[in-house]
Amino acid sequence: MQVFHFLKSRPASNKVVLVVLIALIFLMGYYIISSYFEFQAQTITKLDAIAKTLALEIDGDQHEALLNRYKKKDGIKTNEQDSIYQKIWKQLHRSCEANNLKSEINTLHLDSINKKFSYVVNSTDTPYYLSPYTSFHQSFFDNYTTGGTIGVYKDEYGTWLTAFRPIKNKQGRVVAI
């Protein structure tokens, strides 16, 4: 009611200025929100392209051999300890740097019996081989064999946008994402 009284007591030029100002505020809000969602969509597309490329480049048989060779948590302590680990690490590390990513890239292995994920290779300077990834997004499990993208979500490590693709061995079986 006071707004209408305010408008009645002002000259017409002030009313026009007020209406224009309100319209500009709504337009700015719309632009900011639409820009945010457009940036998010572009980022997901970029991450998906990176994930698809790496999933094709990583030798699934070698990744599987690595898992068969080192079956315990922290079985790999340095990136140079095993030639297979080092090769995959270099692929992830180079891709992370070339694409100017602010977070690391990981391969994850699913223990289908216990329905748990573990980190295998990461793009950082320090491995955390077979460390559990406990608060994974359900989409990792649901789309393990096909891959997918996940919009904004949170886990114990932060807030993320994610893309993942299956890494397959020569028989076509998924050995990791």
N, C-alpha and C. Protein backbone atom coordinates (compact mmCIF):
# COMPACT_ATOMS: atom_id res chain seq x y z
N MET A 1 0.81 -1.18 0.00
CA MET A 1 0.00 0.00 0.00
C MET A 1 0.86 1.25 0.00
N GLN A 2 2.00 1.24 0.73
CA GLN A 2 2.86 2.42 0.79
C GLN A 2 3.52 2.68 -0.56
N VAL A 3 3.81 1.62 -1.33
CA VAL A 3 4.41 1.80 -2.65
C VAL A 3 3.47 2.59 -3.54
N PHE A 4 2.19 2.23 -3.50
CA PHE A 4 1.23 2.95 -4.33
C PHE A 4 1.11 4.40 -3.89
N HIS A 5 1.15 4.66 -2.57
CA HIS A 5 1.11 6.03 -2.08
C HIS A 5 2.35 6.79 -2.57
N PHE A 6 3.52 6.09 -2.52
CA PHE A 6 4.77 6.70 -3.00
C PHE A 6 4.66 7.07 -4.47
N LEU A 7 4.11 6.16 -5.26
CA LEU A 7 3.97 6.43 -6.69
C LEU A 7 2.97 7.54 -6.97
N LYS A 8 1.88 7.63 -6.21
CA LYS A 8 0.86 8.68 -6.42
C LYS A 8 1.41 10.05 -6.10
N SER A 9 2.33 10.13 -5.13
CA SER A 9 2.82 11.43 -4.68
C SER A 9 4.02 11.93 -5.49
N ARG A 10 4.50 11.17 -6.45
CA ARG A 10 5.67 11.55 -7.25
C ARG A 10 5.26 11.98 -8.65
N PRO A 11 6.13 12.84 -9.25
CA PRO A 11 5.86 13.23 -10.65
C PRO A 11 6.02 12.02 -11.57
N ALA A 12 5.45 12.11 -12.75
CA ALA A 12 5.47 11.01 -13.72
C ALA A 12 6.89 10.61 -14.09
N SER A 13 7.81 11.56 -14.20
CA SER A 13 9.19 11.24 -14.58
C SER A 13 9.85 10.34 -13.54
N ASN A 14 9.55 10.57 -12.26
CA ASN A 14 10.11 9.71 -11.21
C ASN A 14 9.54 8.30 -11.31
N LYS A 15 8.28 8.19 -11.68
CA LYS A 15 7.64 6.89 -11.82
C LYS A 15 8.29 6.11 -12.97
N VAL A 16 8.59 6.78 -14.06
CA VAL A 16 9.24 6.14 -15.21
C VAL A 16 10.64 5.65 -14.81
N VAL A 17 11.37 6.50 -14.11
CA VAL A 17 12.72 6.13 -13.67
C VAL A 17 12.65 4.91 -12.76
N LEU A 18 11.69 4.88 -11.86
CA LEU A 18 11.53 3.76 -10.95
C LEU A 18 11.20 2.47 -11.71
N VAL A 19 10.30 2.55 -12.65
CA VAL A 19 9.93 1.37 -13.45
C VAL A 19 11.13 0.88 -14.26
N VAL A 20 11.88 1.79 -14.86
CA VAL A 20 13.07 1.42 -15.64
C VAL A 20 14.11 0.77 -14.73
N LEU A 21 14.31 1.33 -13.54
CA LEU A 21 15.27 0.78 -12.59
C LEU A 21 14.88 -0.64 -12.18
N ILE A 22 13.63 -0.85 -11.88
CA ILE A 22 13.15 -2.19 -11.52
C ILE A 22 13.33 -3.15 -12.68
N ALA A 23 13.03 -2.72 -13.89
CA ALA A 23 13.21 -3.57 -15.08
C ALA A 23 14.69 -3.92 -15.26
N LEU A 24 15.58 -2.97 -15.05
CA LEU A 24 17.02 -3.24 -15.19
C LEU A 24 17.50 -4.25 -14.15
N ILE A 25 16.99 -4.14 -12.95
CA ILE A 25 17.36 -5.09 -11.90
C ILE A 25 16.92 -6.50 -12.29
N PHE A 26 15.71 -6.64 -12.79
CA PHE A 26 15.24 -7.96 -13.22
C PHE A 26 16.06 -8.49 -14.40
N LEU A 27 16.40 -7.62 -15.35
CA LEU A 27 17.22 -8.05 -16.48
C LEU A 27 18.61 -8.49 -16.04
N MET A 28 19.20 -7.74 -15.12
CA MET A 28 20.53 -8.13 -14.62
C MET A 28 20.46 -9.48 -13.91
N GLY A 29 19.43 -9.69 -13.10
CA GLY A 29 19.26 -10.96 -12.43
C GLY A 29 19.12 -12.11 -13.42
N TYR A 30 18.30 -11.89 -14.44
CA TYR A 30 18.11 -12.91 -15.48
C TYR A 30 19.44 -13.21 -16.19
N TYR A 31 20.19 -12.17 -16.54
CA TYR A 31 21.46 -12.34 -17.25
C TYR A 31 22.46 -13.11 -16.38
N ILE A 32 22.54 -12.76 -15.10
CA ILE A 32 23.48 -13.44 -14.19
C ILE A 32 23.12 -14.92 -14.06
N ILE A 33 21.85 -15.21 -13.86
CA ILE A 33 21.41 -16.60 -13.69
C ILE A 33 21.60 -17.40 -14.97
N SER A 34 21.23 -16.82 -16.11
CA SER A 34 21.39 -17.56 -17.37
C SER A 34 22.86 -17.75 -17.72
N SER A 35 23.71 -16.78 -17.39
CA SER A 35 25.15 -16.93 -17.63
C SER A 35 25.73 -18.05 -16.79
N TYR A 36 25.28 -18.15 -15.55
CA TYR A 36 25.74 -19.22 -14.66
C TYR A 36 25.40 -20.59 -15.25
N PHE A 37 24.16 -20.77 -15.68
CA PHE A 37 23.76 -22.07 -16.22
C PHE A 37 24.44 -22.37 -17.56
N GLU A 38 24.68 -21.35 -18.37
CA GLU A 38 25.40 -21.55 -19.63
C GLU A 38 26.85 -21.96 -19.36
N PHE A 39 27.49 -21.31 -18.40
CA PHE A 39 28.87 -21.66 -18.03
C PHE A 39 28.93 -23.10 -17.51
N GLN A 40 27.95 -23.47 -16.69
CA GLN A 40 27.89 -24.83 -16.16
C GLN A 40 27.74 -25.84 -17.29
N ALA A 41 26.89 -25.56 -18.26
CA ALA A 41 26.69 -26.47 -19.40
C ALA A 41 27.96 -26.58 -20.24
N GLN A 42 28.64 -25.47 -20.47
CA GLN A 42 29.90 -25.50 -21.24
C GLN A 42 30.97 -26.30 -20.50
N THR A 43 31.03 -26.14 -19.19
CA THR A 43 32.02 -26.85 -18.39
C THR A 43 31.76 -28.36 -18.43
N ILE A 44 30.51 -28.75 -18.29
CA ILE A 44 30.16 -30.19 -18.36
C ILE A 44 30.54 -30.76 -19.72
N THR A 45 30.28 -30.02 -20.79
CA THR A 45 30.63 -30.48 -22.14
C THR A 45 32.15 -30.67 -22.26
N LYS A 46 32.91 -29.71 -21.73
CA LYS A 46 34.37 -29.81 -21.77
C LYS A 46 34.85 -31.02 -20.97
N LEU A 47 34.32 -31.19 -19.76
CA LEU A 47 34.73 -32.32 -18.93
C LEU A 47 34.37 -33.66 -19.57
N ASP A 48 33.22 -33.70 -20.23
CA ASP A 48 32.81 -34.95 -20.89
C ASP A 48 33.76 -35.29 -22.03
N ALA A 49 34.18 -34.28 -22.78
CA ALA A 49 35.14 -34.51 -23.88
C ALA A 49 36.47 -35.03 -23.33
N ILE A 50 36.92 -34.46 -22.23
CA ILE A 50 38.17 -34.92 -21.60
C ILE A 50 38.02 -36.36 -21.13
N ALA A 51 36.91 -36.67 -20.47
CA ALA A 51 36.68 -38.03 -19.95
C ALA A 51 36.61 -39.05 -21.09
N LYS A 52 35.90 -38.71 -22.17
CA LYS A 52 35.80 -39.63 -23.31
C LYS A 52 37.17 -39.90 -23.91
N THR A 53 37.95 -38.84 -24.10
CA THR A 53 39.28 -38.99 -24.69
C THR A 53 40.18 -39.85 -23.82
N LEU A 54 40.21 -39.56 -22.52
CA LEU A 54 41.07 -40.33 -21.63
C LEU A 54 40.63 -41.79 -21.53
N ALA A 55 39.32 -42.04 -21.50
CA ALA A 55 38.83 -43.42 -21.43
C ALA A 55 39.27 -44.22 -22.64
N LEU A 56 39.37 -43.56 -23.79
CA LEU A 56 39.83 -44.25 -25.00
C LEU A 56 41.34 -44.42 -25.02
N GLU A 57 42.06 -43.46 -24.44
CA GLU A 57 43.52 -43.50 -24.45
C GLU A 57 44.11 -44.47 -23.43
N ILE A 58 43.46 -44.61 -22.29
CA ILE A 58 44.00 -45.47 -21.23
C ILE A 58 43.79 -46.93 -21.61
N ASP A 59 44.84 -47.68 -21.54
CA ASP A 59 44.79 -49.11 -21.86
C ASP A 59 44.12 -49.86 -20.71
N GLY A 60 42.92 -50.33 -20.94
CA GLY A 60 42.16 -51.03 -19.91
C GLY A 60 42.84 -52.29 -19.42
N ASP A 61 43.53 -52.99 -20.31
CA ASP A 61 44.24 -54.20 -19.89
C ASP A 61 45.37 -53.85 -18.92
N GLN A 62 46.08 -52.76 -19.19
CA GLN A 62 47.15 -52.34 -18.28
C GLN A 62 46.58 -51.87 -16.95
N HIS A 63 45.47 -51.13 -17.01
CA HIS A 63 44.83 -50.67 -15.78
C HIS A 63 44.41 -51.88 -14.93
N GLU A 64 43.86 -52.88 -15.59
CA GLU A 64 43.45 -54.10 -14.90
C GLU A 64 44.67 -54.85 -14.33
N ALA A 65 45.75 -54.89 -15.08
CA ALA A 65 46.98 -55.55 -14.61
C ALA A 65 47.51 -54.85 -13.35
N LEU A 66 47.41 -53.54 -13.34
CA LEU A 66 47.84 -52.76 -12.17
C LEU A 66 47.03 -53.17 -10.94
N LEU A 67 45.72 -53.28 -11.11
CA LEU A 67 44.85 -53.69 -10.00
C LEU A 67 45.14 -55.12 -9.55
N ASN A 68 45.51 -55.97 -10.47
CA ASN A 68 45.84 -57.36 -10.11
C ASN A 68 47.20 -57.47 -9.43
N ARG A 69 48.10 -56.57 -9.78
CA ARG A 69 49.46 -56.60 -9.23
C ARG A 69 49.52 -56.02 -7.81
N TYR A 70 48.78 -54.95 -7.56
CA TYR A 70 48.78 -54.28 -6.25
C TYR A 70 47.36 -54.30 -5.71
N LYS A 71 47.11 -55.19 -4.77
CA LYS A 71 45.75 -55.41 -4.29
C LYS A 71 45.45 -54.74 -2.96
N LYS A 72 46.43 -54.06 -2.37
CA LYS A 72 46.23 -53.44 -1.07
C LYS A 72 46.29 -51.91 -1.16
N LYS A 73 45.55 -51.29 -0.25
CA LYS A 73 45.55 -49.83 -0.14
C LYS A 73 46.99 -49.34 0.05
N ASP A 74 47.32 -48.27 -0.64
CA ASP A 74 48.66 -47.67 -0.62
C ASP A 74 49.73 -48.63 -1.13
N GLY A 75 49.33 -49.59 -1.96
CA GLY A 75 50.30 -50.49 -2.59
C GLY A 75 51.24 -49.75 -3.52
N ILE A 76 50.81 -48.60 -3.99
CA ILE A 76 51.67 -47.73 -4.79
C ILE A 76 51.86 -46.44 -4.01
N LYS A 77 53.12 -46.09 -3.78
CA LYS A 77 53.43 -44.93 -2.94
C LYS A 77 54.00 -43.75 -3.72
N THR A 78 54.54 -44.00 -4.92
CA THR A 78 55.05 -42.91 -5.76
C THR A 78 54.58 -43.13 -7.20
N ASN A 79 54.54 -42.07 -7.95
CA ASN A 79 54.11 -42.16 -9.35
C ASN A 79 55.09 -42.95 -10.20
N GLU A 80 56.34 -43.07 -9.75
CA GLU A 80 57.38 -43.76 -10.51
C GLU A 80 57.57 -45.21 -10.09
N GLN A 81 56.86 -45.66 -9.09
CA GLN A 81 57.04 -47.01 -8.53
C GLN A 81 56.75 -48.11 -9.54
N ASP A 82 55.75 -47.92 -10.38
CA ASP A 82 55.33 -48.94 -11.34
C ASP A 82 55.19 -48.27 -12.70
N SER A 83 55.71 -48.91 -13.75
CA SER A 83 55.70 -48.30 -15.08
C SER A 83 54.27 -48.11 -15.63
N ILE A 84 53.37 -49.04 -15.31
CA ILE A 84 51.99 -48.90 -15.77
C ILE A 84 51.33 -47.73 -15.06
N TYR A 85 51.49 -47.66 -13.74
CA TYR A 85 50.92 -46.54 -12.98
C TYR A 85 51.47 -45.22 -13.52
N GLN A 86 52.78 -45.18 -13.73
CA GLN A 86 53.42 -43.96 -14.22
C GLN A 86 52.86 -43.54 -15.58
N LYS A 87 52.65 -44.49 -16.47
CA LYS A 87 52.12 -44.18 -17.79
C LYS A 87 50.72 -43.58 -17.70
N ILE A 88 49.86 -44.20 -16.89
CA ILE A 88 48.49 -43.68 -16.74
C ILE A 88 48.52 -42.34 -16.02
N TRP A 89 49.35 -42.21 -14.99
CA TRP A 89 49.49 -40.95 -14.28
C TRP A 89 49.89 -39.83 -15.24
N LYS A 90 50.85 -40.10 -16.11
CA LYS A 90 51.29 -39.07 -17.07
C LYS A 90 50.13 -38.65 -17.99
N GLN A 91 49.32 -39.61 -18.43
CA GLN A 91 48.17 -39.28 -19.28
C GLN A 91 47.22 -38.36 -18.53
N LEU A 92 46.90 -38.70 -17.30
CA LEU A 92 45.98 -37.88 -16.51
C LEU A 92 46.58 -36.52 -16.19
N HIS A 93 47.84 -36.52 -15.79
CA HIS A 93 48.52 -35.28 -15.41
C HIS A 93 48.62 -34.31 -16.59
N ARG A 94 49.03 -34.83 -17.75
CA ARG A 94 49.13 -33.98 -18.95
C ARG A 94 47.78 -33.41 -19.35
N SER A 95 46.76 -34.24 -19.29
CA SER A 95 45.41 -33.79 -19.65
C SER A 95 44.92 -32.71 -18.69
N CYS A 96 45.20 -32.90 -17.43
CA CYS A 96 44.81 -31.92 -16.41
C CYS A 96 45.48 -30.58 -16.68
N GLU A 97 46.77 -30.61 -16.96
CA GLU A 97 47.51 -29.37 -17.25
C GLU A 97 47.09 -28.75 -18.58
N ALA A 98 46.96 -29.57 -19.62
CA ALA A 98 46.61 -29.05 -20.95
C ALA A 98 45.24 -28.40 -20.97
N ASN A 99 44.32 -28.90 -20.15
CA ASN A 99 42.96 -28.36 -20.11
C ASN A 99 42.76 -27.35 -18.99
N ASN A 100 43.86 -27.01 -18.31
CA ASN A 100 43.84 -25.99 -17.27
C ASN A 100 42.78 -26.28 -16.20
N LEU A 101 42.70 -27.55 -15.79
CA LEU A 101 41.71 -27.93 -14.79
C LEU A 101 42.20 -27.53 -13.40
N LYS A 102 41.29 -27.11 -12.58
CA LYS A 102 41.64 -26.69 -11.23
C LYS A 102 41.56 -27.84 -10.22
N SER A 103 40.98 -28.95 -10.63
CA SER A 103 40.93 -30.12 -9.76
C SER A 103 41.57 -31.30 -10.49
N GLU A 104 41.83 -32.33 -9.75
CA GLU A 104 42.53 -33.49 -10.30
C GLU A 104 41.60 -34.38 -11.11
N ILE A 105 42.22 -35.29 -11.85
CA ILE A 105 41.51 -36.33 -12.58
C ILE A 105 41.87 -37.65 -11.91
N ASN A 106 40.88 -38.53 -11.75
CA ASN A 106 41.09 -39.82 -11.09
C ASN A 106 40.51 -40.94 -11.94
N THR A 107 41.08 -42.12 -11.77
CA THR A 107 40.38 -43.32 -12.23
C THR A 107 39.83 -43.98 -10.97
N LEU A 108 38.62 -44.52 -11.10
CA LEU A 108 37.95 -45.18 -9.98
C LEU A 108 37.61 -46.60 -10.37
N HIS A 109 37.82 -47.51 -9.45
CA HIS A 109 37.48 -48.91 -9.66
C HIS A 109 36.31 -49.27 -8.77
N LEU A 110 35.35 -50.01 -9.31
CA LEU A 110 34.19 -50.45 -8.54
C LEU A 110 34.37 -51.88 -8.08
N ASP A 111 34.30 -52.08 -6.78
CA ASP A 111 34.21 -53.42 -6.22
C ASP A 111 32.73 -53.76 -6.26
N SER A 112 32.32 -54.51 -7.27
CA SER A 112 30.89 -54.75 -7.50
C SER A 112 30.25 -55.62 -6.42
N ILE A 113 31.04 -56.42 -5.73
CA ILE A 113 30.50 -57.25 -4.65
C ILE A 113 30.11 -56.39 -3.45
N ASN A 114 31.04 -55.51 -3.04
CA ASN A 114 30.79 -54.65 -1.89
C ASN A 114 30.15 -53.31 -2.26
N LYS A 115 30.02 -53.07 -3.57
CA LYS A 115 29.44 -51.82 -4.08
C LYS A 115 30.17 -50.60 -3.53
N LYS A 116 31.51 -50.64 -3.66
CA LYS A 116 32.34 -49.55 -3.18
C LYS A 116 33.34 -49.16 -4.26
N PHE A 117 33.63 -47.86 -4.30
CA PHE A 117 34.62 -47.34 -5.23
C PHE A 117 35.94 -47.09 -4.52
N SER A 118 37.02 -47.27 -5.27
CA SER A 118 38.36 -46.94 -4.78
C SER A 118 39.08 -46.15 -5.85
N TYR A 119 39.90 -45.21 -5.39
CA TYR A 119 40.77 -44.48 -6.31
C TYR A 119 41.86 -45.42 -6.78
N VAL A 120 42.24 -45.29 -8.04
CA VAL A 120 43.34 -46.10 -8.55
C VAL A 120 44.49 -45.16 -8.93
N VAL A 121 44.34 -44.42 -10.00
CA VAL A 121 45.38 -43.48 -10.44
C VAL A 121 44.79 -42.08 -10.36
N ASN A 122 45.63 -41.13 -9.93
CA ASN A 122 45.19 -39.72 -9.93
C ASN A 122 46.26 -38.86 -10.58
N SER A 123 45.87 -37.65 -10.94
CA SER A 123 46.78 -36.76 -11.68
C SER A 123 47.69 -35.94 -10.77
N THR A 124 47.62 -36.14 -9.47
CA THR A 124 48.45 -35.37 -8.55
C THR A 124 49.83 -35.99 -8.40
N ASP A 125 50.68 -35.32 -7.64
CA ASP A 125 52.05 -35.80 -7.44
C ASP A 125 52.15 -36.92 -6.40
N THR A 126 51.07 -37.14 -5.65
CA THR A 126 51.08 -38.16 -4.61
C THR A 126 49.93 -39.14 -4.83
N PRO A 127 50.25 -40.41 -5.05
CA PRO A 127 49.18 -41.41 -5.21
C PRO A 127 48.43 -41.66 -3.90
N TYR A 128 47.19 -42.02 -4.03
CA TYR A 128 46.43 -42.56 -2.90
C TYR A 128 45.70 -43.80 -3.40
N TYR A 129 46.52 -44.71 -3.86
CA TYR A 129 46.11 -45.95 -4.50
C TYR A 129 45.17 -46.77 -3.62
N LEU A 130 44.04 -47.14 -4.17
CA LEU A 130 42.99 -47.94 -3.54
C LEU A 130 42.41 -47.34 -2.26
N SER A 131 42.57 -46.04 -2.10
CA SER A 131 41.87 -45.37 -1.00
C SER A 131 40.38 -45.36 -1.34
N PRO A 132 39.53 -45.56 -0.34
CA PRO A 132 38.10 -45.62 -0.63
C PRO A 132 37.52 -44.26 -1.00
N TYR A 133 36.58 -44.26 -1.91
CA TYR A 133 35.79 -43.07 -2.23
C TYR A 133 34.39 -43.38 -1.71
N THR A 134 34.10 -42.92 -0.52
CA THR A 134 32.92 -43.38 0.21
C THR A 134 31.63 -42.63 -0.10
N SER A 135 31.72 -41.35 -0.41
CA SER A 135 30.46 -40.60 -0.61
C SER A 135 30.24 -40.30 -2.09
N PHE A 136 30.39 -41.30 -2.92
CA PHE A 136 30.23 -41.11 -4.36
C PHE A 136 28.78 -40.83 -4.71
N HIS A 137 28.62 -40.10 -5.80
CA HIS A 137 27.28 -39.81 -6.32
C HIS A 137 26.69 -41.10 -6.88
N GLN A 138 25.42 -41.34 -6.68
CA GLN A 138 24.76 -42.57 -7.13
C GLN A 138 24.92 -42.80 -8.62
N SER A 139 25.07 -41.75 -9.39
CA SER A 139 25.24 -41.86 -10.84
C SER A 139 26.49 -42.65 -11.22
N PHE A 140 27.55 -42.58 -10.39
CA PHE A 140 28.75 -43.37 -10.67
C PHE A 140 28.40 -44.86 -10.71
N PHE A 141 27.63 -45.27 -9.76
CA PHE A 141 27.23 -46.68 -9.68
C PHE A 141 26.22 -47.02 -10.77
N ASP A 142 25.21 -46.18 -10.94
CA ASP A 142 24.14 -46.45 -11.91
C ASP A 142 24.64 -46.47 -13.34
N ASN A 143 25.65 -45.65 -13.66
CA ASN A 143 26.12 -45.51 -15.04
C ASN A 143 27.57 -45.95 -15.21
N TYR A 144 28.01 -46.86 -14.37
CA TYR A 144 29.40 -47.32 -14.40
C TYR A 144 29.81 -47.86 -15.77
N THR A 145 28.93 -48.57 -16.43
CA THR A 145 29.30 -49.21 -17.70
C THR A 145 29.09 -48.30 -18.92
N THR A 146 28.37 -47.20 -18.74
CA THR A 146 28.10 -46.31 -19.88
C THR A 146 28.72 -44.94 -19.74
N GLY A 147 28.94 -44.50 -18.51
CA GLY A 147 29.46 -43.16 -18.27
C GLY A 147 28.33 -42.15 -18.21
N GLY A 148 28.70 -40.93 -17.91
CA GLY A 148 27.71 -39.87 -17.84
C GLY A 148 28.28 -38.59 -17.30
N THR A 149 27.40 -37.65 -17.07
CA THR A 149 27.78 -36.37 -16.48
C THR A 149 26.90 -36.13 -15.26
N ILE A 150 27.43 -35.35 -14.34
CA ILE A 150 26.69 -35.02 -13.12
C ILE A 150 26.79 -33.51 -12.93
N GLY A 151 25.63 -32.88 -12.82
CA GLY A 151 25.61 -31.44 -12.53
C GLY A 151 26.13 -31.19 -11.13
N VAL A 152 25.95 -30.01 -10.64
CA VAL A 152 26.49 -29.62 -9.34
C VAL A 152 26.03 -30.59 -8.25
N TYR A 153 27.00 -31.14 -7.52
CA TYR A 153 26.73 -32.01 -6.37
C TYR A 153 27.86 -31.84 -5.36
N LYS A 154 27.60 -32.28 -4.13
CA LYS A 154 28.59 -32.18 -3.06
C LYS A 154 28.96 -33.57 -2.56
N ASP A 155 30.23 -33.71 -2.17
CA ASP A 155 30.68 -34.89 -1.45
C ASP A 155 31.61 -34.44 -0.34
N GLU A 156 32.32 -35.36 0.28
CA GLU A 156 33.17 -34.99 1.41
C GLU A 156 34.34 -34.10 1.02
N TYR A 157 34.63 -33.97 -0.26
CA TYR A 157 35.78 -33.19 -0.71
C TYR A 157 35.40 -31.83 -1.29
N GLY A 158 34.13 -31.56 -1.50
CA GLY A 158 33.74 -30.26 -2.02
C GLY A 158 32.51 -30.33 -2.92
N THR A 159 32.37 -29.30 -3.74
CA THR A 159 31.26 -29.20 -4.69
C THR A 159 31.82 -29.39 -6.09
N TRP A 160 31.13 -30.19 -6.90
CA TRP A 160 31.69 -30.63 -8.18
C TRP A 160 30.71 -30.57 -9.33
N LEU A 161 31.28 -30.51 -10.52
CA LEU A 161 30.66 -30.87 -11.79
C LEU A 161 31.51 -32.02 -12.28
N THR A 162 30.93 -33.08 -12.77
CA THR A 162 31.71 -34.27 -13.10
C THR A 162 31.26 -34.91 -14.41
N ALA A 163 32.24 -35.46 -15.09
CA ALA A 163 31.98 -36.32 -16.25
C ALA A 163 32.84 -37.56 -16.07
N PHE A 164 32.29 -38.71 -16.42
CA PHE A 164 33.06 -39.95 -16.30
C PHE A 164 32.68 -40.89 -17.44
N ARG A 165 33.65 -41.70 -17.85
CA ARG A 165 33.46 -42.66 -18.94
C ARG A 165 34.14 -43.97 -18.58
N PRO A 166 33.63 -45.08 -19.08
CA PRO A 166 34.22 -46.38 -18.74
C PRO A 166 35.55 -46.62 -19.44
N ILE A 167 36.47 -47.20 -18.70
CA ILE A 167 37.75 -47.67 -19.24
C ILE A 167 37.58 -49.17 -19.39
N LYS A 168 37.75 -49.66 -20.62
CA LYS A 168 37.45 -51.07 -20.90
C LYS A 168 38.72 -51.83 -21.29
N ASN A 169 38.72 -53.13 -20.97
CA ASN A 169 39.82 -53.99 -21.42
C ASN A 169 39.50 -54.49 -22.83
N LYS A 170 40.38 -55.32 -23.39
CA LYS A 170 40.19 -55.79 -24.77
C LYS A 170 38.94 -56.64 -24.95
N GLN A 171 38.46 -57.24 -23.89
CA GLN A 171 37.23 -58.05 -23.97
C GLN A 171 35.97 -57.18 -23.89
N GLY A 172 36.17 -55.87 -23.67
CA GLY A 172 35.03 -54.96 -23.58
C GLY A 172 34.46 -54.83 -22.19
N ARG A 173 35.10 -55.43 -21.21
CA ARG A 173 34.62 -55.35 -19.82
C ARG A 173 35.16 -54.07 -19.17
N VAL A 174 34.30 -53.38 -18.44
CA VAL A 174 34.69 -52.14 -17.78
C VAL A 174 35.57 -52.50 -16.58
N VAL A 175 36.75 -51.88 -16.53
CA VAL A 175 37.68 -52.14 -15.43
C VAL A 175 37.78 -50.93 -14.49
N ALA A 176 37.33 -49.77 -14.96
CA ALA A 176 37.38 -48.54 -14.14
C ALA A 176 36.63 -47.44 -14.88
N ILE A 177 36.46 -46.33 -14.20
CA ILE A 177 35.95 -45.12 -14.85
C ILE A 177 36.93 -44.01 -14.61
